């Protein structure tokens, strides 16, 4: 699908003699990305109210041991090369016959993750659109980058927290309190990626802000030069 869209944009750009094929392609792809994310958000919302199950993808304190038939060394001290026995965190699972509250919680976690993954497309679309208009260094781009940094930080932290909360709540609803699989506490973790992404966007916004100042200074000097030239012509 992506290859078809790129091919069509490139073919159309070459046929029309466009000099902004790369920008056109980036804007088209980012636009499709946003549209598909919007469709995905609608699907997630509809699914929360129409199906009796809920999907989860978040960290929990429940761990599953590896299968007994899997060859492994318990302490990694075998004479031959082999796996060291371990366990896997139960983080990706589905709960059937989930309550409406649990399905809504899973929906919020999924929407948060979807919003986070859509933000790069939104930022690219803003930058490409303004650049194609001849306003690469404008306040709109700077504000878009700054707003994108805030959104990445908020959505990133929210998605991490909600994913863990929803996954633990799903296990608590699926198992009784006296079960060995019942999580006794919520394991909440926040990855550094939202902070790194937000910092990178803020740095990029600072670069564009400086470019905007230089562009405004260049325009001011051109206007003063034109005014001075007119005054000189009037004296002559």
C-alpha atoms as a PDB file:
ATOM      1  CA  UNK A   1       0.000   0.000   0.000  1.00  0.00           C
ATOM      2  CA  UNK A   2       2.759   2.440   0.975  1.00  0.00           C
ATOM      3  CA  UNK A   3       4.772   1.545  -2.119  1.00  0.00           C
ATOM      4  CA  UNK A   4       1.727   2.154  -4.351  1.00  0.00           C
ATOM      5  CA  UNK A   5       1.086   5.573  -2.787  1.00  0.00           C
ATOM      6  CA  UNK A   6       4.750   6.565  -3.078  1.00  0.00           C
ATOM      7  CA  UNK A   7       4.905   5.355  -6.662  1.00  0.00           C
ATOM      8  CA  UNK A   8       1.819   7.329  -7.641  1.00  0.00           C
ATOM      9  CA  UNK A   9       3.061  10.533  -5.983  1.00  0.00           C
ATOM     10  CA  UNK A  10       6.498  10.237  -7.605  1.00  0.00           C
ATOM     11  CA  UNK A  11       4.991   9.454 -11.018  1.00  0.00           C
ATOM     12  CA  UNK A  12       2.591  12.379 -10.781  1.00  0.00           C
ATOM     13  CA  UNK A  13       5.364  14.726  -9.614  1.00  0.00           C
ATOM     14  CA  UNK A  14       7.711  13.766 -12.432  1.00  0.00           C
ATOM     15  CA  UNK A  15       4.952  14.073 -14.990  1.00  0.00           C
ATOM     16  CA  UNK A  16       4.102  17.588 -13.830  1.00  0.00           C
ATOM     17  CA  UNK A  17       7.771  18.574 -13.440  1.00  0.00           C
ATOM     18  CA  UNK A  18       7.454  19.186  -9.716  1.00  0.00           C
ATOM     19  CA  UNK A  19      10.587  20.075  -7.767  1.00  0.00           C
ATOM     20  CA  UNK A  20       9.097  19.105  -4.426  1.00  0.00           C
ATOM     21  CA  UNK A  21       8.493  15.388  -4.971  1.00  0.00           C
ATOM     22  CA  UNK A  22      10.066  14.403  -1.658  1.00  0.00           C
ATOM     23  CA  UNK A  23       7.929  16.888   0.268  1.00  0.00           C
ATOM     24  CA  UNK A  24       4.812  15.840  -1.630  1.00  0.00           C
ATOM     25  CA  UNK A  25       5.481  12.189  -0.854  1.00  0.00           C
ATOM     26  CA  UNK A  26       6.131  12.875   2.835  1.00  0.00           C
ATOM     27  CA  UNK A  27       2.981  14.981   3.121  1.00  0.00           C
ATOM     28  CA  UNK A  28       0.883  12.335   1.371  1.00  0.00           C
ATOM     29  CA  UNK A  29       2.195   9.494   3.525  1.00  0.00           C
ATOM     30  CA  UNK A  30       1.787  11.435   6.750  1.00  0.00           C
ATOM     31  CA  UNK A  31      -1.744  12.378   5.715  1.00  0.00           C
ATOM     32  CA  UNK A  32      -2.628   8.746   5.063  1.00  0.00           C
ATOM     33  CA  UNK A  33      -1.017   7.826   8.365  1.00  0.00           C
ATOM     34  CA  UNK A  34      -3.245  10.273  10.234  1.00  0.00           C
ATOM     35  CA  UNK A  35      -6.353   9.093   8.376  1.00  0.00           C
ATOM     36  CA  UNK A  36      -5.632   5.430   9.095  1.00  0.00           C
ATOM     37  CA  UNK A  37      -4.992   6.265  12.746  1.00  0.00           C
ATOM     38  CA  UNK A  38      -8.350   8.023  12.910  1.00  0.00           C
ATOM     39  CA  UNK A  39     -10.005   4.948  11.415  1.00  0.00           C
ATOM     40  CA  UNK A  40      -8.160   2.771  13.913  1.00  0.00           C
ATOM     41  CA  UNK A  41      -9.375   4.963  16.790  1.00  0.00           C
ATOM     42  CA  UNK A  42     -12.975   4.560  15.605  1.00  0.00           C
ATOM     43  CA  UNK A  43     -12.509   0.783  15.399  1.00  0.00           C
ATOM     44  CA  UNK A  44     -11.061   0.668  18.921  1.00  0.00           C
ATOM     45  CA  UNK A  45     -14.004   2.647  20.324  1.00  0.00           C
ATOM     46  CA  UNK A  46     -16.610   0.550  18.512  1.00  0.00           C
ATOM     47  CA  UNK A  47     -14.920  -2.680  19.608  1.00  0.00           C
ATOM     48  CA  UNK A  48     -15.002  -1.615  23.256  1.00  0.00           C
ATOM     49  CA  UNK A  49     -18.818  -1.455  23.154  1.00  0.00           C
ATOM     50  CA  UNK A  50     -19.575  -4.298  20.749  1.00  0.00           C
ATOM     51  CA  UNK A  51     -17.386  -7.292  21.721  1.00  0.00           C
ATOM     52  CA  UNK A  52     -17.220  -9.172  25.050  1.00  0.00           C
ATOM     53  CA  UNK A  53     -13.431  -9.396  25.141  1.00  0.00           C
ATOM     54  CA  UNK A  54     -10.580  -6.953  25.676  1.00  0.00           C
ATOM     55  CA  UNK A  55      -6.954  -6.991  24.538  1.00  0.00           C
ATOM     56  CA  UNK A  56      -4.097  -5.874  26.771  1.00  0.00           C
ATOM     57  CA  UNK A  57      -0.442  -5.076  26.228  1.00  0.00           C
ATOM     58  CA  UNK A  58       1.206  -3.788  29.372  1.00  0.00           C
ATOM     59  CA  UNK A  59       3.657  -4.777  32.062  1.00  0.00           C
ATOM     60  CA  UNK A  60       2.424  -6.807  35.043  1.00  0.00           C
ATOM     61  CA  UNK A  61       4.067  -8.523  38.008  1.00  0.00           C
ATOM     62  CA  UNK A  62       2.924 -11.965  36.792  1.00  0.00           C
ATOM     63  CA  UNK A  63       5.625 -14.123  35.195  1.00  0.00           C
ATOM     64  CA  UNK A  64       5.260 -17.405  33.313  1.00  0.00           C
ATOM     65  CA  UNK A  65       7.939 -20.083  33.495  1.00  0.00           C
ATOM     66  CA  UNK A  66       9.292 -21.496  30.261  1.00  0.00           C
ATOM     67  CA  UNK A  67       7.868 -24.848  29.088  1.00  0.00           C
ATOM     68  CA  UNK A  68       9.344 -27.847  30.911  1.00  0.00           C
ATOM     69  CA  UNK A  69      10.344 -29.427  27.606  1.00  0.00           C
ATOM     70  CA  UNK A  70      12.539 -26.496  26.581  1.00  0.00           C
ATOM     71  CA  UNK A  71      16.229 -27.452  27.012  1.00  0.00           C
ATOM     72  CA  UNK A  72      17.933 -24.913  29.242  1.00  0.00           C
ATOM     73  CA  UNK A  73      20.521 -24.636  31.986  1.00  0.00           C
ATOM     74  CA  UNK A  74      19.147 -23.338  35.266  1.00  0.00           C
ATOM     75  CA  UNK A  75      22.294 -21.455  36.248  1.00  0.00           C
ATOM     76  CA  UNK A  76      23.936 -21.072  32.839  1.00  0.00           C
ATOM     77  CA  UNK A  77      26.816 -23.359  33.842  1.00  0.00           C
ATOM     78  CA  UNK A  78      26.367 -26.092  31.245  1.00  0.00           C
ATOM     79  CA  UNK A  79      29.305 -27.489  29.325  1.00  0.00           C
ATOM     80  CA  UNK A  80      27.599 -26.832  25.997  1.00  0.00           C
ATOM     81  CA  UNK A  81      25.981 -23.758  24.503  1.00  0.00           C
ATOM     82  CA  UNK A  82      22.361 -23.609  25.597  1.00  0.00           C
ATOM     83  CA  UNK A  83      19.724 -21.283  26.965  1.00  0.00           C
ATOM     84  CA  UNK A  84      19.640 -20.145  30.563  1.00  0.00           C
ATOM     85  CA  UNK A  85      16.284 -21.002  32.105  1.00  0.00           C
ATOM     86  CA  UNK A  86      14.059 -18.060  32.837  1.00  0.00           C
ATOM     87  CA  UNK A  87      10.501 -16.756  32.686  1.00  0.00           C
ATOM     88  CA  UNK A  88       8.483 -14.306  30.638  1.00  0.00           C
ATOM     89  CA  UNK A  89       6.351 -11.462  31.904  1.00  0.00           C
ATOM     90  CA  UNK A  90       2.643 -11.869  31.147  1.00  0.00           C
ATOM     91  CA  UNK A  91       2.027  -8.650  29.232  1.00  0.00           C
ATOM     92  CA  UNK A  92       0.217  -9.476  25.992  1.00  0.00           C
ATOM     93  CA  UNK A  93      -3.071 -11.309  26.477  1.00  0.00           C
ATOM     94  CA  UNK A  94      -6.843 -11.191  25.943  1.00  0.00           C
ATOM     95  CA  UNK A  95      -9.565 -11.371  28.574  1.00  0.00           C
ATOM     96  CA  UNK A  96     -12.873 -12.901  27.506  1.00  0.00           C
ATOM     97  CA  UNK A  97     -16.242 -11.859  28.901  1.00  0.00           C
ATOM     98  CA  UNK A  98     -14.674  -8.675  30.233  1.00  0.00           C
ATOM     99  CA  UNK A  99     -16.810  -6.092  31.988  1.00  0.00           C
ATOM    100  CA  UNK A 100     -17.627  -2.817  30.283  1.00  0.00           C
ATOM    101  CA  UNK A 101     -15.376  -0.911  32.662  1.00  0.00           C
ATOM    102  CA  UNK A 102     -12.442  -3.168  31.837  1.00  0.00           C
ATOM    103  CA  UNK A 103     -13.099  -2.849  28.104  1.00  0.00           C
ATOM    104  CA  UNK A 104     -13.200   0.943  28.416  1.00  0.00           C
ATOM    105  CA  UNK A 105      -9.930   0.914  30.348  1.00  0.00           C
ATOM    106  CA  UNK A 106      -8.317  -1.187  27.628  1.00  0.00           C
ATOM    107  CA  UNK A 107      -9.750   1.204  25.045  1.00  0.00           C
ATOM    108  CA  UNK A 108      -8.168   4.217  26.755  1.00  0.00           C
ATOM    109  CA  UNK A 109      -4.776   2.465  26.882  1.00  0.00           C
ATOM    110  CA  UNK A 110      -4.982   1.580  23.187  1.00  0.00           C
ATOM    111  CA  UNK A 111      -6.066   5.091  22.217  1.00  0.00           C
ATOM    112  CA  UNK A 112      -3.152   6.547  24.160  1.00  0.00           C
ATOM    113  CA  UNK A 113      -0.677   4.312  22.339  1.00  0.00           C
ATOM    114  CA  UNK A 114      -2.314   5.095  19.003  1.00  0.00           C
ATOM    115  CA  UNK A 115      -2.138   8.839  19.652  1.00  0.00           C
ATOM    116  CA  UNK A 116       1.551   8.542  20.521  1.00  0.00           C
ATOM    117  CA  UNK A 117       2.398   6.670  17.315  1.00  0.00           C
ATOM    118  CA  UNK A 118       0.389   9.172  15.253  1.00  0.00           C
ATOM    119  CA  UNK A 119       2.202  12.261  16.517  1.00  0.00           C
ATOM    120  CA  UNK A 120       5.240  11.854  14.179  1.00  0.00           C
ATOM    121  CA  UNK A 121       2.888  11.876  11.188  1.00  0.00           C
ATOM    122  CA  UNK A 122       1.128  15.000  12.445  1.00  0.00           C
ATOM    123  CA  UNK A 123       4.430  16.829  12.945  1.00  0.00           C
ATOM    124  CA  UNK A 124       5.768  15.784   9.530  1.00  0.00           C
ATOM    125  CA  UNK A 125       2.516  16.902   7.907  1.00  0.00           C
ATOM    126  CA  UNK A 126       2.730  20.352   9.535  1.00  0.00           C
ATOM    127  CA  UNK A 127       6.365  20.866   8.516  1.00  0.00           C
ATOM    128  CA  UNK A 128       5.821  19.655   4.932  1.00  0.00           C
ATOM    129  CA  UNK A 129       2.633  21.690   4.474  1.00  0.00           C
ATOM    130  CA  UNK A 130       4.223  24.921   5.655  1.00  0.00           C
ATOM    131  CA  UNK A 131       7.365  24.269   3.601  1.00  0.00           C
ATOM    132  CA  UNK A 132       5.336  23.723   0.435  1.00  0.00           C
ATOM    133  CA  UNK A 133       3.649  27.065   1.115  1.00  0.00           C
ATOM    134  CA  UNK A 134       7.073  28.707   1.253  1.00  0.00           C
ATOM    135  CA  UNK A 135       6.903  29.167   5.003  1.00  0.00           C
ATOM    136  CA  UNK A 136       9.385  26.623   6.278  1.00  0.00           C
ATOM    137  CA  UNK A 137      10.555  29.036   8.967  1.00  0.00           C
ATOM    138  CA  UNK A 138       7.308  30.313  10.407  1.00  0.00           C
ATOM    139  CA  UNK A 139       5.675  30.510  13.802  1.00  0.00           C
ATOM    140  CA  UNK A 140       3.235  27.789  12.761  1.00  0.00           C
ATOM    141  CA  UNK A 141       6.052  25.273  12.389  1.00  0.00           C
ATOM    142  CA  UNK A 142       7.646  26.310  15.685  1.00  0.00           C
ATOM    143  CA  UNK A 143       4.328  26.078  17.500  1.00  0.00           C
ATOM    144  CA  UNK A 144       3.623  22.735  15.865  1.00  0.00           C
ATOM    145  CA  UNK A 145       6.958  21.322  17.024  1.00  0.00           C
ATOM    146  CA  UNK A 146       6.497  22.682  20.536  1.00  0.00           C
ATOM    147  CA  UNK A 147       2.953  21.344  20.729  1.00  0.00           C
ATOM    148  CA  UNK A 148       4.173  18.038  19.334  1.00  0.00           C
ATOM    149  CA  UNK A 149       6.819  17.821  22.056  1.00  0.00           C
ATOM    150  CA  UNK A 150       4.188  18.360  24.742  1.00  0.00           C
ATOM    151  CA  UNK A 151       1.852  15.835  23.103  1.00  0.00           C
ATOM    152  CA  UNK A 152       4.585  13.194  22.798  1.00  0.00           C
ATOM    153  CA  UNK A 153       5.469  13.597  26.471  1.00  0.00           C
ATOM    154  CA  UNK A 154       1.838  13.498  27.651  1.00  0.00           C
ATOM    155  CA  UNK A 155       0.708  10.673  25.385  1.00  0.00           C
ATOM    156  CA  UNK A 156       3.897   8.685  26.000  1.00  0.00           C
ATOM    157  CA  UNK A 157       3.643   8.792  29.784  1.00  0.00           C
ATOM    158  CA  UNK A 158      -0.115   8.239  29.686  1.00  0.00           C
ATOM    159  CA  UNK A 159       0.176   5.261  27.342  1.00  0.00           C
ATOM    160  CA  UNK A 160       2.850   3.599  29.505  1.00  0.00           C
ATOM    161  CA  UNK A 161       0.881   4.080  32.717  1.00  0.00           C
ATOM    162  CA  UNK A 162      -2.519   3.135  31.281  1.00  0.00           C
ATOM    163  CA  UNK A 163      -1.119   0.006  29.606  1.00  0.00           C
ATOM    164  CA  UNK A 164       0.230  -1.289  32.921  1.00  0.00           C
ATOM    165  CA  UNK A 165      -2.907  -0.331  34.833  1.00  0.00           C
ATOM    166  CA  UNK A 166      -5.222  -1.920  32.261  1.00  0.00           C
ATOM    167  CA  UNK A 167      -3.184  -5.150  32.051  1.00  0.00           C
ATOM    168  CA  UNK A 168      -3.106  -5.574  35.829  1.00  0.00           C
ATOM    169  CA  UNK A 169      -6.817  -4.773  36.090  1.00  0.00           C
ATOM    170  CA  UNK A 170      -7.506  -7.395  33.426  1.00  0.00           C
ATOM    171  CA  UNK A 171      -5.665 -10.079  35.405  1.00  0.00           C
ATOM    172  CA  UNK A 172      -7.402  -9.048  38.597  1.00  0.00           C
ATOM    173  CA  UNK A 173     -10.778  -9.431  36.930  1.00  0.00           C
ATOM    174  CA  UNK A 174      -9.842 -12.785  35.388  1.00  0.00           C
ATOM    175  CA  UNK A 175      -8.449 -14.369  38.584  1.00  0.00           C
ATOM    176  CA  UNK A 176      -9.733 -14.497  42.137  1.00  0.00           C
ATOM    177  CA  UNK A 177      -7.816 -12.798  44.927  1.00  0.00           C
ATOM    178  CA  UNK A 178      -6.572 -16.129  46.321  1.00  0.00           C
ATOM    179  CA  UNK A 179      -5.126 -17.259  42.963  1.00  0.00           C
ATOM    180  CA  UNK A 180      -1.374 -17.447  42.463  1.00  0.00           C
ATOM    181  CA  UNK A 181      -1.884 -15.542  39.207  1.00  0.00           C
ATOM    182  CA  UNK A 182      -3.656 -12.639  40.921  1.00  0.00           C
ATOM    183  CA  UNK A 183      -1.330  -9.573  40.810  1.00  0.00           C
ATOM    184  CA  UNK A 184      -1.033  -8.086  44.275  1.00  0.00           C
ATOM    185  CA  UNK A 185       0.097  -4.677  43.046  1.00  0.00           C
ATOM    186  CA  UNK A 186       0.261  -2.558  39.916  1.00  0.00           C
ATOM    187  CA  UNK A 187       3.591  -2.489  38.127  1.00  0.00           C
ATOM    188  CA  UNK A 188       3.800   1.009  36.681  1.00  0.00           C
ATOM    189  CA  UNK A 189       6.765   1.879  34.494  1.00  0.00           C
ATOM    190  CA  UNK A 190       7.477   4.796  32.195  1.00  0.00           C
ATOM    191  CA  UNK A 191      10.046   4.368  29.436  1.00  0.00           C
ATOM    192  CA  UNK A 192      12.485   7.206  28.668  1.00  0.00           C
ATOM    193  CA  UNK A 193      11.337   7.371  25.036  1.00  0.00           C
ATOM    194  CA  UNK A 194       8.642  10.052  25.603  1.00  0.00           C
ATOM    195  CA  UNK A 195      11.156  12.303  27.346  1.00  0.00           C
ATOM    196  CA  UNK A 196      13.810  11.768  24.683  1.00  0.00           C
ATOM    197  CA  UNK A 197      11.286  12.392  21.904  1.00  0.00           C
ATOM    198  CA  UNK A 198       9.947  15.542  23.569  1.00  0.00           C
ATOM    199  CA  UNK A 199      13.474  16.864  24.144  1.00  0.00           C
ATOM    200  CA  UNK A 200      14.379  16.214  20.501  1.00  0.00           C
ATOM    201  CA  UNK A 201      11.294  18.052  19.254  1.00  0.00           C
ATOM    202  CA  UNK A 202      11.980  21.002  21.563  1.00  0.00           C
ATOM    203  CA  UNK A 203      15.520  21.197  20.213  1.00  0.00           C
ATOM    204  CA  UNK A 204      14.175  21.100  16.658  1.00  0.00           C
ATOM    205  CA  UNK A 205      11.668  23.820  17.554  1.00  0.00           C
ATOM    206  CA  UNK A 206      14.539  25.969  18.829  1.00  0.00           C
ATOM    207  CA  UNK A 207      16.353  25.501  15.524  1.00  0.00           C
ATOM    208  CA  UNK A 208      13.276  26.522  13.540  1.00  0.00           C
ATOM    209  CA  UNK A 209      12.689  29.459  15.906  1.00  0.00           C
ATOM    210  CA  UNK A 210      16.186  30.715  15.191  1.00  0.00           C
ATOM    211  CA  UNK A 211      15.602  30.187  11.480  1.00  0.00           C
ATOM    212  CA  UNK A 212      12.396  32.210  11.738  1.00  0.00           C
ATOM    213  CA  UNK A 213      14.283  35.088  13.362  1.00  0.00           C
ATOM    214  CA  UNK A 214      16.923  35.023  10.640  1.00  0.00           C
ATOM    215  CA  UNK A 215      14.246  34.917   7.954  1.00  0.00           C
ATOM    216  CA  UNK A 216      12.429  37.891   9.479  1.00  0.00           C
ATOM    217  CA  UNK A 217      15.714  39.780   9.704  1.00  0.00           C
ATOM    218  CA  UNK A 218      16.441  39.018   6.060  1.00  0.00           C
ATOM    219  CA  UNK A 219      13.005  40.285   5.005  1.00  0.00           C
ATOM    220  CA  UNK A 220      13.465  43.440   7.087  1.00  0.00           C
ATOM    221  CA  UNK A 221      16.821  44.172   5.464  1.00  0.00           C
ATOM    222  CA  UNK A 222      15.340  43.620   2.007  1.00  0.00           C
ATOM    223  CA  UNK A 223      12.511  46.026   2.783  1.00  0.00           C
ATOM    224  CA  UNK A 224      14.924  48.657   4.086  1.00  0.00           C
ATOM    225  CA  UNK A 225      17.107  48.220   0.996  1.00  0.00           C
ATOM    226  CA  UNK A 226      14.086  48.595  -1.288  1.00  0.00           C
ATOM    227  CA  UNK A 227      12.944  51.700   0.578  1.00  0.00           C
ATOM    228  CA  UNK A 228      16.421  53.198   0.401  1.00  0.00           C
ATOM    229  CA  UNK A 229      16.586  52.444  -3.322  1.00  0.00           C
ATOM    230  CA  UNK A 230      13.269  54.210  -3.872  1.00  0.00           C
ATOM    231  CA  UNK A 231      14.472  57.246  -1.950  1.00  0.00           C
ATOM    232  CA  UNK A 232      17.644  57.312  -4.009  1.00  0.00           C
ATOM    233  CA  UNK A 233      15.702  57.078  -7.248  1.00  0.00           C
ATOM    234  CA  UNK A 234      13.468  59.930  -6.060  1.00  0.00           C
ATOM    235  CA  UNK A 235      16.462  62.149  -5.393  1.00  0.00           C
ATOM    236  CA  UNK A 236      17.871  61.414  -8.827  1.00  0.00           C
END
